[in-house]
Amino acid sequence: MKLFLVLAFSTCLLACNNNKEGGNENKEAAMDSSKNLPVASQAWKWPDSLDAITAAPANHKIVYEDSAVRVLMVVCPPGKEEAVHTHRYKSTMWFTNSAHLFFYNYAADANNRLVKKDSTEINGFPAEILNKGQQVDPEEPHSIRNVGTDTFIAYRVEYKKKFEN
């Protein structure tokens, strides 16, 4: 699934530059898919170790959490790349500070290791989507790299219980 469906960036498609990034960065990360995790929306095949708070704690901070929701602040400073991670719940996400990013999707290879499968360049977000909530489906393994000069900041409300559209 392309980045814009995964992150509900569909409103950004016209304004974003969707070029593939050059270079040969084929990062790998170990993955144990033997754990099947229950989720609110559908069966989840990724282990708890890939949850954003566990796998990428430098970029994901819990603002609030209870049995029904978890609110995350997501920050990626210039020149930094998040560790590969997932978000297993449907959520509402809003972007408060735009940045020039590369978004990387990962998939399991034949040896059950995560490998980079594609990248999408996001050359900032248009003003009309900043500070507006967007519904986001669960996200499989991914990471972002901030290649710009501005810090990327977003918030995500994850719905742990069944989410109705």
N, C-alpha and C. Protein backbone atom coordinates (compact mmCIF):
# COMPACT_ATOMS: atom_id res chain seq x y z
N MET A 1 0.85 -1.16 0.00
CA MET A 1 0.00 0.00 0.00
C MET A 1 0.90 1.23 0.00
N LYS A 2 0.60 2.16 -0.82
CA LYS A 2 1.43 3.37 -0.94
C LYS A 2 1.29 4.23 0.31
N LEU A 3 2.27 5.03 0.52
CA LEU A 3 2.34 5.92 1.67
C LEU A 3 1.08 6.74 1.85
N PHE A 4 0.57 7.26 0.75
CA PHE A 4 -0.54 8.20 0.88
C PHE A 4 -1.82 7.53 1.33
N LEU A 5 -1.99 6.24 1.07
CA LEU A 5 -3.13 5.53 1.61
C LEU A 5 -2.87 5.18 3.06
N VAL A 6 -1.67 4.72 3.35
CA VAL A 6 -1.32 4.32 4.70
C VAL A 6 -1.44 5.47 5.66
N LEU A 7 -0.93 6.61 5.33
CA LEU A 7 -0.95 7.77 6.22
C LEU A 7 -2.08 8.75 5.93
N ALA A 8 -2.94 8.38 5.02
CA ALA A 8 -4.04 9.26 4.62
C ALA A 8 -3.51 10.60 4.13
N PHE A 9 -2.43 10.52 3.38
CA PHE A 9 -1.86 11.72 2.80
C PHE A 9 -2.53 12.03 1.46
N SER A 10 -3.65 11.41 1.19
CA SER A 10 -4.26 11.58 -0.12
C SER A 10 -4.52 13.04 -0.45
N THR A 11 -4.80 13.85 0.57
CA THR A 11 -5.02 15.26 0.29
C THR A 11 -3.73 15.99 -0.05
N CYS A 12 -2.62 15.34 0.20
CA CYS A 12 -1.30 15.93 -0.06
C CYS A 12 -0.76 15.54 -1.43
N LEU A 13 -1.38 14.59 -2.10
CA LEU A 13 -0.83 14.04 -3.34
C LEU A 13 -0.53 15.10 -4.39
N LEU A 14 -1.43 16.04 -4.56
CA LEU A 14 -1.22 17.04 -5.60
C LEU A 14 -0.06 17.98 -5.28
N ALA A 15 0.17 18.21 -3.99
CA ALA A 15 1.21 19.17 -3.62
C ALA A 15 2.56 18.52 -3.36
N CYS A 16 2.58 17.22 -3.15
CA CYS A 16 3.83 16.54 -2.80
C CYS A 16 4.55 16.05 -4.04
N ASN A 17 5.85 15.98 -3.96
CA ASN A 17 6.68 15.50 -5.04
C ASN A 17 6.94 14.02 -4.82
N ASN A 18 6.34 13.15 -5.62
CA ASN A 18 6.41 11.71 -5.42
C ASN A 18 7.54 11.07 -6.19
N ASN A 19 8.75 11.53 -5.99
CA ASN A 19 9.91 10.95 -6.66
C ASN A 19 10.51 9.87 -5.81
N LYS A 20 11.01 8.83 -6.45
CA LYS A 20 11.74 7.79 -5.74
C LYS A 20 13.10 8.35 -5.38
N GLU A 21 13.58 7.99 -4.19
CA GLU A 21 14.88 8.47 -3.75
C GLU A 21 15.96 7.61 -4.37
N GLY A 22 17.02 8.26 -4.80
CA GLY A 22 18.15 7.53 -5.35
C GLY A 22 18.98 6.91 -4.25
N GLY A 23 19.97 6.15 -4.65
CA GLY A 23 20.86 5.55 -3.68
C GLY A 23 20.52 4.10 -3.44
N ASN A 24 21.42 3.43 -2.76
CA ASN A 24 21.25 2.01 -2.51
C ASN A 24 21.24 1.76 -1.01
N GLU A 25 20.19 2.25 -0.33
CA GLU A 25 20.07 2.05 1.10
C GLU A 25 19.10 0.91 1.33
N ASN A 26 19.58 -0.27 1.51
CA ASN A 26 18.72 -1.42 1.72
C ASN A 26 18.82 -1.86 3.17
N LYS A 27 18.31 -1.03 4.08
CA LYS A 27 18.39 -1.32 5.50
C LYS A 27 17.56 -2.55 5.82
N GLU A 28 18.05 -3.34 6.76
CA GLU A 28 17.32 -4.50 7.22
C GLU A 28 17.18 -4.41 8.73
N ALA A 29 16.10 -4.99 9.24
CA ALA A 29 15.91 -5.06 10.68
C ALA A 29 15.34 -6.43 11.01
N ALA A 30 15.82 -7.01 12.07
CA ALA A 30 15.33 -8.34 12.45
C ALA A 30 13.86 -8.25 12.82
N MET A 31 13.10 -9.31 12.54
CA MET A 31 11.69 -9.34 12.84
C MET A 31 11.30 -10.73 13.29
N ASP A 32 10.52 -10.84 14.34
CA ASP A 32 9.99 -12.11 14.79
C ASP A 32 8.50 -12.09 14.54
N SER A 33 8.04 -12.80 13.52
CA SER A 33 6.62 -12.78 13.19
C SER A 33 5.88 -13.94 13.84
N SER A 34 6.49 -14.62 14.81
CA SER A 34 5.84 -15.74 15.45
C SER A 34 4.72 -15.30 16.38
N LYS A 35 4.72 -14.03 16.79
CA LYS A 35 3.66 -13.52 17.65
C LYS A 35 2.56 -12.91 16.80
N ASN A 36 1.36 -13.36 16.98
CA ASN A 36 0.23 -12.72 16.31
C ASN A 36 -0.49 -11.89 17.36
N LEU A 37 -0.66 -10.63 17.07
CA LEU A 37 -1.21 -9.71 18.04
C LEU A 37 -2.66 -9.37 17.73
N PRO A 38 -3.53 -9.38 18.74
CA PRO A 38 -4.90 -8.96 18.50
C PRO A 38 -4.96 -7.45 18.35
N VAL A 39 -5.85 -6.97 17.51
CA VAL A 39 -6.04 -5.53 17.38
C VAL A 39 -7.51 -5.22 17.27
N ALA A 40 -7.81 -3.96 17.41
CA ALA A 40 -9.19 -3.52 17.37
C ALA A 40 -9.79 -3.67 15.98
N SER A 41 -9.00 -3.43 14.93
CA SER A 41 -9.59 -3.36 13.60
C SER A 41 -9.50 -4.65 12.81
N GLN A 42 -8.41 -5.38 12.91
CA GLN A 42 -8.26 -6.63 12.15
C GLN A 42 -7.03 -7.38 12.66
N ALA A 43 -6.87 -8.62 12.19
CA ALA A 43 -5.72 -9.42 12.63
C ALA A 43 -4.42 -8.68 12.33
N TRP A 44 -3.49 -8.78 13.23
CA TRP A 44 -2.22 -8.04 13.12
C TRP A 44 -1.09 -9.04 13.16
N LYS A 45 -0.19 -8.99 12.19
CA LYS A 45 0.87 -9.99 12.10
C LYS A 45 2.22 -9.53 12.64
N TRP A 46 2.33 -8.29 13.06
CA TRP A 46 3.63 -7.76 13.47
C TRP A 46 3.80 -7.84 14.98
N PRO A 47 5.03 -8.08 15.45
CA PRO A 47 5.27 -8.25 16.89
C PRO A 47 5.23 -6.92 17.65
N ASP A 48 5.00 -7.02 18.96
CA ASP A 48 4.99 -5.84 19.83
C ASP A 48 6.30 -5.06 19.75
N SER A 49 7.39 -5.76 19.46
CA SER A 49 8.69 -5.09 19.40
C SER A 49 8.76 -4.04 18.29
N LEU A 50 7.83 -4.09 17.32
CA LEU A 50 7.80 -3.09 16.25
C LEU A 50 6.84 -1.93 16.54
N ASP A 51 6.14 -1.98 17.68
CA ASP A 51 5.25 -0.88 18.03
C ASP A 51 6.07 0.41 18.12
N ALA A 52 5.51 1.51 17.67
CA ALA A 52 6.23 2.78 17.59
C ALA A 52 6.91 3.19 18.90
N ILE A 53 6.23 3.00 20.01
CA ILE A 53 6.79 3.40 21.31
C ILE A 53 8.01 2.55 21.67
N THR A 54 7.97 1.27 21.31
CA THR A 54 9.08 0.36 21.62
C THR A 54 10.21 0.47 20.60
N ALA A 55 9.85 0.47 19.32
CA ALA A 55 10.86 0.43 18.25
C ALA A 55 11.47 1.80 17.94
N ALA A 56 10.69 2.86 18.09
CA ALA A 56 11.18 4.21 17.74
C ALA A 56 10.85 5.21 18.85
N PRO A 57 11.33 4.95 20.08
CA PRO A 57 10.97 5.82 21.21
C PRO A 57 11.55 7.23 21.12
N ALA A 58 12.61 7.41 20.37
CA ALA A 58 13.18 8.75 20.23
C ALA A 58 12.25 9.68 19.46
N ASN A 59 11.34 9.10 18.67
CA ASN A 59 10.45 9.90 17.83
C ASN A 59 8.99 9.86 18.25
N HIS A 60 8.61 8.93 19.12
CA HIS A 60 7.21 8.76 19.52
C HIS A 60 7.10 8.85 21.03
N LYS A 61 6.34 9.83 21.50
CA LYS A 61 6.13 10.03 22.94
C LYS A 61 4.64 9.90 23.24
N ILE A 62 4.32 9.21 24.33
CA ILE A 62 2.92 9.10 24.75
C ILE A 62 2.53 10.40 25.45
N VAL A 63 1.49 11.05 24.91
CA VAL A 63 0.95 12.26 25.50
C VAL A 63 -0.15 11.89 26.50
N TYR A 64 -0.93 10.85 26.14
CA TYR A 64 -2.02 10.36 26.99
C TYR A 64 -2.31 8.93 26.59
N GLU A 65 -2.69 8.09 27.57
CA GLU A 65 -3.09 6.72 27.26
C GLU A 65 -4.05 6.21 28.32
N ASP A 66 -5.09 5.50 27.84
CA ASP A 66 -5.98 4.75 28.72
C ASP A 66 -6.37 3.47 27.99
N SER A 67 -7.39 2.76 28.45
CA SER A 67 -7.73 1.48 27.83
C SER A 67 -8.36 1.62 26.45
N ALA A 68 -8.81 2.81 26.09
CA ALA A 68 -9.48 3.01 24.81
C ALA A 68 -8.63 3.72 23.76
N VAL A 69 -7.77 4.64 24.19
CA VAL A 69 -6.98 5.43 23.23
C VAL A 69 -5.55 5.61 23.71
N ARG A 70 -4.69 5.91 22.75
CA ARG A 70 -3.32 6.32 23.05
C ARG A 70 -3.02 7.50 22.15
N VAL A 71 -2.56 8.60 22.73
CA VAL A 71 -2.22 9.80 21.98
C VAL A 71 -0.70 9.91 21.92
N LEU A 72 -0.17 9.98 20.71
CA LEU A 72 1.28 10.07 20.50
C LEU A 72 1.66 11.41 19.91
N MET A 73 2.80 11.92 20.33
CA MET A 73 3.44 13.05 19.66
C MET A 73 4.58 12.44 18.86
N VAL A 74 4.63 12.76 17.56
CA VAL A 74 5.66 12.22 16.67
C VAL A 74 6.56 13.38 16.25
N VAL A 75 7.86 13.24 16.50
CA VAL A 75 8.82 14.30 16.17
C VAL A 75 9.99 13.68 15.43
N CYS A 76 10.37 14.30 14.30
CA CYS A 76 11.56 13.86 13.57
C CYS A 76 12.36 15.10 13.19
N PRO A 77 13.47 15.33 13.90
CA PRO A 77 14.31 16.51 13.62
C PRO A 77 15.01 16.42 12.27
N PRO A 78 15.47 17.54 11.75
CA PRO A 78 16.22 17.55 10.49
C PRO A 78 17.43 16.61 10.56
N GLY A 79 17.64 15.88 9.47
CA GLY A 79 18.79 14.99 9.38
C GLY A 79 18.63 13.66 10.08
N LYS A 80 17.49 13.40 10.68
CA LYS A 80 17.27 12.16 11.43
C LYS A 80 16.33 11.22 10.69
N GLU A 81 16.48 9.91 10.98
CA GLU A 81 15.57 8.89 10.45
C GLU A 81 15.04 8.06 11.62
N GLU A 82 13.73 7.84 11.61
CA GLU A 82 13.12 7.00 12.63
C GLU A 82 13.58 5.56 12.45
N ALA A 83 13.55 4.80 13.53
CA ALA A 83 13.72 3.35 13.44
C ALA A 83 12.45 2.77 12.80
N VAL A 84 12.58 1.64 12.15
CA VAL A 84 11.43 0.96 11.55
C VAL A 84 10.43 0.62 12.66
N HIS A 85 9.15 0.90 12.40
CA HIS A 85 8.12 0.66 13.40
C HIS A 85 6.76 0.50 12.74
N THR A 86 5.75 0.17 13.56
CA THR A 86 4.38 0.00 13.09
C THR A 86 3.43 0.82 13.97
N HIS A 87 2.20 0.94 13.48
CA HIS A 87 1.07 1.47 14.26
C HIS A 87 -0.08 0.50 14.01
N ARG A 88 -0.47 -0.26 15.01
CA ARG A 88 -1.43 -1.34 14.77
C ARG A 88 -2.89 -0.94 14.87
N TYR A 89 -3.18 0.27 15.30
CA TYR A 89 -4.56 0.71 15.46
C TYR A 89 -4.94 1.77 14.43
N LYS A 90 -6.23 1.79 14.10
CA LYS A 90 -6.74 2.92 13.33
C LYS A 90 -6.57 4.15 14.20
N SER A 91 -6.44 5.28 13.54
CA SER A 91 -6.17 6.49 14.32
C SER A 91 -6.60 7.74 13.57
N THR A 92 -6.54 8.84 14.28
CA THR A 92 -6.67 10.16 13.68
C THR A 92 -5.31 10.82 13.86
N MET A 93 -4.81 11.39 12.77
CA MET A 93 -3.48 11.99 12.80
C MET A 93 -3.57 13.41 12.25
N TRP A 94 -2.82 14.31 12.87
CA TRP A 94 -2.72 15.66 12.32
C TRP A 94 -1.28 16.13 12.40
N PHE A 95 -0.91 16.90 11.39
CA PHE A 95 0.46 17.38 11.24
C PHE A 95 0.50 18.84 11.67
N THR A 96 1.39 19.16 12.60
CA THR A 96 1.48 20.54 13.08
C THR A 96 2.68 21.28 12.52
N ASN A 97 3.70 20.54 12.08
CA ASN A 97 4.87 21.18 11.48
C ASN A 97 5.36 20.33 10.33
N SER A 98 5.38 20.91 9.16
CA SER A 98 5.76 20.22 7.93
C SER A 98 7.27 20.13 7.79
N ALA A 99 7.71 19.17 6.97
CA ALA A 99 9.14 19.01 6.69
C ALA A 99 9.31 18.27 5.38
N HIS A 100 10.51 18.30 4.85
CA HIS A 100 10.86 17.56 3.63
C HIS A 100 11.29 16.16 4.09
N LEU A 101 10.49 15.15 3.72
CA LEU A 101 10.67 13.79 4.23
C LEU A 101 10.79 12.76 3.12
N PHE A 102 11.40 11.65 3.45
CA PHE A 102 11.27 10.43 2.66
C PHE A 102 10.58 9.42 3.56
N PHE A 103 9.54 8.78 3.03
CA PHE A 103 8.78 7.77 3.75
C PHE A 103 9.15 6.43 3.15
N TYR A 104 9.56 5.49 4.00
CA TYR A 104 9.99 4.17 3.54
C TYR A 104 9.03 3.10 4.02
N ASN A 105 8.58 2.25 3.11
CA ASN A 105 7.79 1.07 3.45
C ASN A 105 8.72 -0.13 3.49
N TYR A 106 8.44 -1.05 4.39
CA TYR A 106 9.24 -2.27 4.55
C TYR A 106 8.35 -3.49 4.39
N ALA A 107 8.95 -4.61 3.99
CA ALA A 107 8.25 -5.88 3.87
C ALA A 107 9.18 -6.99 4.36
N ALA A 108 8.60 -8.10 4.75
CA ALA A 108 9.40 -9.25 5.17
C ALA A 108 9.93 -9.97 3.94
N ASP A 109 11.22 -10.31 3.96
CA ASP A 109 11.80 -11.07 2.85
C ASP A 109 11.68 -12.57 3.14
N ALA A 110 12.27 -13.41 2.29
CA ALA A 110 12.18 -14.87 2.43
C ALA A 110 12.79 -15.36 3.74
N ASN A 111 13.71 -14.59 4.31
CA ASN A 111 14.34 -14.96 5.58
C ASN A 111 13.65 -14.31 6.78
N ASN A 112 12.47 -13.77 6.55
CA ASN A 112 11.67 -13.13 7.59
C ASN A 112 12.37 -11.92 8.22
N ARG A 113 13.11 -11.19 7.39
CA ARG A 113 13.76 -9.95 7.81
C ARG A 113 13.08 -8.79 7.08
N LEU A 114 13.01 -7.66 7.74
CA LEU A 114 12.41 -6.49 7.11
C LEU A 114 13.41 -5.83 6.18
N VAL A 115 12.96 -5.59 4.95
CA VAL A 115 13.79 -4.90 3.96
C VAL A 115 12.98 -3.76 3.37
N LYS A 116 13.68 -2.69 3.02
CA LYS A 116 13.04 -1.53 2.43
C LYS A 116 12.47 -1.93 1.08
N LYS A 117 11.17 -1.69 0.87
CA LYS A 117 10.58 -2.06 -0.42
C LYS A 117 10.33 -0.87 -1.33
N ASP A 118 10.09 0.31 -0.78
CA ASP A 118 9.94 1.49 -1.62
C ASP A 118 10.07 2.74 -0.77
N SER A 119 10.18 3.87 -1.45
CA SER A 119 10.25 5.15 -0.75
C SER A 119 9.44 6.17 -1.52
N THR A 120 8.93 7.15 -0.78
CA THR A 120 8.17 8.24 -1.37
C THR A 120 8.70 9.54 -0.78
N GLU A 121 8.98 10.50 -1.66
CA GLU A 121 9.43 11.81 -1.20
C GLU A 121 8.22 12.68 -0.92
N ILE A 122 8.24 13.36 0.21
CA ILE A 122 7.19 14.31 0.59
C ILE A 122 7.89 15.64 0.83
N ASN A 123 7.75 16.53 -0.13
CA ASN A 123 8.47 17.80 -0.05
C ASN A 123 7.61 18.83 0.67
N GLY A 124 7.31 18.54 1.93
CA GLY A 124 6.48 19.42 2.74
C GLY A 124 5.00 19.17 2.50
N PHE A 125 4.18 19.63 3.43
CA PHE A 125 2.73 19.48 3.33
C PHE A 125 2.11 20.82 3.00
N PRO A 126 1.06 20.83 2.20
CA PRO A 126 0.38 22.09 1.92
C PRO A 126 -0.31 22.62 3.18
N ALA A 127 -0.42 23.92 3.29
CA ALA A 127 -1.01 24.56 4.47
C ALA A 127 -2.41 24.04 4.76
N GLU A 128 -3.16 23.67 3.73
CA GLU A 128 -4.55 23.25 3.95
C GLU A 128 -4.69 21.92 4.69
N ILE A 129 -3.63 21.13 4.81
CA ILE A 129 -3.76 19.91 5.60
C ILE A 129 -3.09 20.01 6.97
N LEU A 130 -2.31 21.05 7.20
CA LEU A 130 -1.69 21.21 8.51
C LEU A 130 -2.77 21.52 9.55
N ASN A 131 -2.62 20.94 10.72
CA ASN A 131 -3.53 21.15 11.85
C ASN A 131 -4.95 20.71 11.59
N LYS A 132 -5.13 19.73 10.69
CA LYS A 132 -6.44 19.15 10.43
C LYS A 132 -6.32 17.64 10.56
N GLY A 133 -7.22 17.05 11.33
CA GLY A 133 -7.19 15.60 11.55
C GLY A 133 -7.54 14.82 10.30
N GLN A 134 -6.85 13.69 10.15
CA GLN A 134 -7.11 12.78 9.04
C GLN A 134 -7.17 11.37 9.58
N GLN A 135 -8.16 10.61 9.12
CA GLN A 135 -8.29 9.23 9.54
C GLN A 135 -7.17 8.40 8.90
N VAL A 136 -6.54 7.53 9.68
CA VAL A 136 -5.41 6.73 9.22
C VAL A 136 -5.65 5.28 9.58
N ASP A 137 -5.43 4.39 8.62
CA ASP A 137 -5.52 2.95 8.88
C ASP A 137 -4.27 2.49 9.61
N PRO A 138 -4.31 1.28 10.19
CA PRO A 138 -3.09 0.73 10.80
C PRO A 138 -1.95 0.76 9.78
N GLU A 139 -0.74 0.98 10.27
CA GLU A 139 0.42 1.09 9.38
C GLU A 139 1.40 -0.05 9.63
N GLU A 140 1.74 -0.74 8.56
CA GLU A 140 2.72 -1.81 8.62
C GLU A 140 4.11 -1.19 8.75
N PRO A 141 5.18 -1.98 8.80
CA PRO A 141 6.52 -1.43 9.04
C PRO A 141 6.89 -0.30 8.07
N HIS A 142 7.38 0.78 8.66
CA HIS A 142 7.75 1.97 7.89
C HIS A 142 8.70 2.82 8.73
N SER A 143 9.27 3.82 8.10
CA SER A 143 10.06 4.83 8.79
C SER A 143 10.04 6.10 7.95
N ILE A 144 10.38 7.22 8.57
CA ILE A 144 10.55 8.45 7.81
C ILE A 144 11.95 8.99 8.07
N ARG A 145 12.47 9.68 7.07
CA ARG A 145 13.77 10.36 7.21
C ARG A 145 13.54 11.82 6.85
N ASN A 146 13.94 12.69 7.73
CA ASN A 146 13.79 14.13 7.52
C ASN A 146 15.05 14.65 6.83
N VAL A 147 14.90 15.04 5.56
CA VAL A 147 16.03 15.55 4.79
C VAL A 147 15.99 17.08 4.69
N GLY A 148 15.01 17.68 5.37
CA GLY A 148 14.85 19.13 5.30
C GLY A 148 15.54 19.85 6.44
N THR A 149 15.13 21.10 6.60
CA THR A 149 15.71 21.95 7.65
C THR A 149 14.73 22.21 8.79
N ASP A 150 13.48 21.76 8.64
CA ASP A 150 12.45 21.96 9.66
C ASP A 150 12.18 20.65 10.39
N THR A 151 11.81 20.75 11.65
CA THR A 151 11.43 19.57 12.44
C THR A 151 10.02 19.16 12.07
N PHE A 152 9.82 17.86 11.78
CA PHE A 152 8.50 17.31 11.51
C PHE A 152 7.83 17.03 12.85
N ILE A 153 6.58 17.51 13.00
CA ILE A 153 5.82 17.25 14.22
C ILE A 153 4.40 16.86 13.83
N ALA A 154 3.91 15.77 14.43
CA ALA A 154 2.55 15.31 14.20
C ALA A 154 2.01 14.72 15.49
N TYR A 155 0.70 14.60 15.57
CA TYR A 155 0.03 13.94 16.69
C TYR A 155 -0.85 12.84 16.13
N ARG A 156 -0.98 11.77 16.91
CA ARG A 156 -1.77 10.61 16.48
C ARG A 156 -2.60 10.13 17.66
N VAL A 157 -3.93 10.03 17.46
CA VAL A 157 -4.82 9.44 18.44
C VAL A 157 -5.13 8.03 17.94
N GLU A 158 -4.61 7.03 18.64
CA GLU A 158 -4.83 5.63 18.25
C GLU A 158 -6.02 5.08 19.02
N TYR A 159 -6.95 4.45 18.29
CA TYR A 159 -8.17 3.91 18.89
C TYR A 159 -7.97 2.43 19.15
N LYS A 160 -7.81 2.06 20.42
CA LYS A 160 -7.54 0.67 20.78
C LYS A 160 -8.78 -0.21 20.66
N LYS A 161 -9.93 0.37 20.78
CA LYS A 161 -11.18 -0.37 20.67
C LYS A 161 -11.70 -0.25 19.25
N LYS A 162 -12.74 -1.02 18.94
CA LYS A 162 -13.28 -1.01 17.57
C LYS A 162 -13.58 0.41 17.14
N PHE A 163 -13.14 0.73 15.93
CA PHE A 163 -13.28 2.07 15.39
C PHE A 163 -14.33 2.04 14.29
N GLU A 164 -15.38 2.81 14.45
CA GLU A 164 -16.45 2.89 13.44
C GLU A 164 -16.25 4.15 12.61
N ASN A 165 -16.37 4.00 11.29
CA ASN A 165 -16.26 5.17 10.40
C ASN A 165 -17.50 6.01 10.48
